[in-house]
Protein backbone atom coordinates (compact mmCIF):
# COMPACT_ATOMS: atom_id res chain seq x y z
CA MET A 1 -18.58 6.35 -8.72
CA THR A 2 -18.20 9.38 -10.73
CA GLU A 3 -15.52 10.55 -12.86
CA GLY A 4 -12.77 12.42 -10.83
CA SER A 5 -14.00 11.27 -7.37
CA LEU A 6 -11.73 10.44 -4.28
CA ILE A 7 -11.71 7.20 -2.46
CA LYS A 8 -10.31 7.47 0.94
CA VAL A 9 -8.38 4.45 2.42
CA GLY A 10 -8.01 4.58 6.21
CA MET A 11 -5.33 3.14 8.43
CA ALA A 12 -5.58 -0.81 8.15
CA ASP A 13 -7.89 -0.46 5.45
CA LEU A 14 -7.79 -1.53 1.72
CA ASN A 15 -10.01 -0.40 -1.34
CA ILE A 16 -10.41 -0.42 -4.93
CA ALA A 17 -10.92 2.79 -7.63
CA GLU A 18 -11.91 2.79 -11.04
CA ARG A 19 -13.36 5.36 -13.86
CA GLY A 20 -10.85 8.05 -13.39
CA ALA A 21 -11.32 8.07 -9.50
CA VAL A 22 -8.28 8.74 -7.39
CA ILE A 23 -7.57 6.59 -4.45
CA LYS A 24 -5.77 8.06 -1.35
CA THR A 25 -4.20 7.35 2.14
CA THR A 26 -2.79 9.56 4.51
CA GLY A 27 -0.47 9.17 7.53
CA LEU A 28 1.86 6.57 6.38
CA GLY A 29 4.85 6.63 8.93
CA SER A 30 5.97 2.87 9.44
CA CYS A 31 2.91 1.77 7.45
CA VAL A 32 3.15 0.77 3.99
CA GLY A 33 0.98 2.25 1.24
CA LEU A 34 0.63 -0.45 -1.56
CA THR A 35 -1.16 0.20 -4.79
CA LEU A 36 -1.74 -2.60 -7.67
CA TYR A 37 -2.94 -0.93 -10.78
CA ASP A 38 -4.22 -2.56 -14.13
CA PRO A 39 -3.27 0.06 -16.67
CA VAL A 40 -5.38 -1.68 -19.37
CA LEU A 41 -8.95 -1.61 -17.64
CA LYS A 42 -7.82 1.63 -15.56
CA ILE A 43 -8.56 0.00 -12.07
CA GLY A 44 -6.44 0.39 -8.99
CA GLY A 45 -6.58 -0.84 -5.37
CA MET A 46 -4.68 0.33 -2.37
CA ALA A 47 -4.05 -1.20 1.16
CA HIS A 48 -2.89 0.91 3.92
CA ILE A 49 -0.72 -2.06 5.74
CA MET A 50 0.14 -1.44 9.48
CA LEU A 51 2.22 -4.85 10.43
CA PRO A 52 4.02 -7.28 8.49
CA SER A 53 2.28 -10.53 9.82
CA SER A 54 -1.25 -11.76 11.10
CA ASP A 55 0.66 -14.30 13.20
CA ILE A 56 1.07 -11.54 16.22
CA ALA A 57 -2.88 -10.73 15.64
CA ARG A 58 -4.63 -10.45 18.84
CA GLU A 59 -7.93 -8.96 17.99
CA GLY A 60 -11.31 -11.36 17.90
CA GLN A 61 -11.92 -10.61 14.32
CA LEU A 62 -9.12 -10.34 12.12
CA ASN A 63 -8.61 -7.01 10.12
CA ILE A 64 -7.28 -8.61 6.98
CA ALA A 65 -6.22 -5.28 5.57
CA LYS A 66 -4.04 -4.60 8.44
CA TYR A 67 -1.18 -7.14 7.84
CA ALA A 68 0.85 -7.70 4.70
CA ASP A 69 0.46 -11.22 4.70
CA THR A 70 -3.59 -10.95 4.58
CA ALA A 71 -3.87 -7.46 2.85
CA VAL A 72 -1.95 -8.44 -0.52
CA PRO A 73 -4.10 -11.38 -1.20
CA GLU A 74 -7.53 -9.77 -0.14
CA LEU A 75 -6.48 -6.60 -2.70
CA LEU A 76 -5.50 -9.14 -5.35
CA GLU A 77 -8.90 -11.11 -4.80
CA ARG A 78 -11.19 -7.60 -5.10
CA LEU A 79 -9.31 -6.59 -8.06
CA LYS A 80 -9.83 -9.93 -9.87
CA LYS A 81 -13.59 -9.94 -9.28
CA LYS A 82 -13.45 -6.62 -11.53
CA GLY A 83 -11.68 -8.42 -14.21
CA VAL A 84 -8.29 -7.34 -13.59
CA SER A 85 -5.42 -9.59 -14.73
CA ALA A 86 -2.78 -10.31 -12.24
CA GLY A 87 0.00 -10.53 -14.85
CA ARG A 88 -0.85 -6.95 -16.00
CA LEU A 89 -0.52 -5.41 -12.68
CA VAL A 90 1.84 -2.61 -11.72
CA ALA A 91 2.73 -2.31 -8.20
CA LYS A 92 4.10 0.69 -6.19
CA MET A 93 4.42 1.40 -2.90
CA ALA A 94 5.39 3.90 -0.11
CA GLY A 95 6.11 4.50 3.79
CA GLY A 96 7.93 1.81 5.82
CA ALA A 97 9.74 4.68 7.61
CA GLN A 98 11.58 4.07 10.92
CA MET A 99 9.83 7.09 12.73
CA PHE A 100 11.60 6.60 16.01
CA ALA A 101 15.32 5.65 16.98
CA PHE A 102 15.33 3.33 19.44
CA MET A 103 18.67 2.02 21.31
CA GLY A 104 18.83 -1.72 21.03
CA GLY A 105 15.42 -3.22 20.81
CA GLY A 106 16.03 -5.51 18.25
CA ASP A 107 14.16 -6.41 15.19
CA SER A 108 10.47 -5.73 17.07
CA MET A 109 11.41 -2.11 16.88
CA ARG A 110 11.89 -2.22 13.00
CA ILE A 111 8.03 -2.03 12.08
CA GLY A 112 8.62 0.07 9.26
CA PRO A 113 11.36 -1.97 7.38
CA ARG A 114 9.55 -5.21 8.25
CA ASN A 115 6.16 -3.96 6.64
CA VAL A 116 8.41 -3.29 3.67
CA GLU A 117 10.09 -6.73 3.47
CA ALA A 118 6.79 -8.64 4.21
CA THR A 119 4.87 -6.63 1.49
CA LYS A 120 7.57 -7.51 -1.00
CA GLN A 121 7.46 -11.15 -0.16
CA MET A 122 3.69 -11.25 -0.66
CA LEU A 123 4.15 -9.39 -4.08
CA ALA A 124 6.86 -12.12 -4.99
CA ARG A 125 4.64 -14.95 -3.81
CA TYR A 126 2.12 -13.69 -6.50
CA ALA A 127 4.78 -12.96 -9.27
CA ILE A 128 3.83 -9.14 -9.17
CA SER A 129 6.78 -6.99 -9.62
CA LEU A 130 7.30 -3.91 -7.84
CA THR A 131 7.85 -1.12 -10.36
CA SER A 132 8.72 1.74 -8.17
CA GLU A 133 8.94 2.72 -4.60
CA ASP A 134 9.81 5.38 -1.89
CA THR A 135 10.21 3.41 1.20
CA GLY A 136 12.33 3.91 4.63
CA GLY A 137 13.50 7.22 5.82
CA ASN A 138 12.08 8.61 9.05
CA TYR A 139 9.25 11.06 7.86
CA GLY A 140 5.68 10.72 7.01
CA ARG A 141 3.81 10.61 3.65
CA THR A 142 0.46 10.89 2.02
CA VAL A 143 0.27 8.98 -1.00
CA GLU A 144 -2.59 8.91 -4.10
CA LEU A 145 -3.03 6.73 -7.07
CA SER A 146 -4.89 8.24 -10.11
CA THR A 147 -6.78 5.37 -11.94
CA GLU A 148 -6.45 7.59 -15.14
CA SER A 149 -2.95 8.02 -15.60
CA GLY A 150 -1.77 5.30 -13.32
CA ILE A 151 0.56 7.75 -11.61
CA PHE A 152 1.20 7.30 -7.81
CA THR A 153 2.00 10.47 -6.06
CA ILE A 154 3.78 10.97 -2.60
CA ARG A 155 3.55 14.20 -0.62
CA SER A 156 5.78 14.66 2.45
CA VAL A 157 6.31 17.85 4.29
CA GLN A 158 10.31 16.87 4.06
CA TYR A 159 10.54 16.30 0.43
CA GLY A 160 7.24 17.92 -1.02
CA VAL A 161 5.56 16.13 -4.03
CA LYS A 162 7.01 13.22 -5.70
CA GLU A 163 5.45 11.27 -8.68
CA ILE A 164 6.62 7.55 -9.26
């Protein structure tokens, strides 16, 4: 991996970036883009979480990156293998939008808010504090994390560019 390279994370995917690379995911609607970053080692990881819980998984081979309850521990494990200390991790996230207005429908249609809640619960389980977030609303986002600076950049058509 060379200085300034771009690591792309697809939908229901996760990856690690280091040595000045930028890690990015696009198309966050109800999905959550979670980043965990070690400011000392300048290593970061990102997960593009689609659904809150793997309990509803129907696929034969479980995609661990797809669900909050499996993506967070996997991302943490991959970072630890790179020497990252969980105690130093800075967590930031964006997404979790309610993309469509439903009449009634109950909880099953609240995918975005449920993804945010489930991701926060998993971070709490591992005692990782969420330092900032840009979640909710009804619009899509593209996010990226610079491993050099730790800056989490959020882009949306409606609100332009925001750094947290």
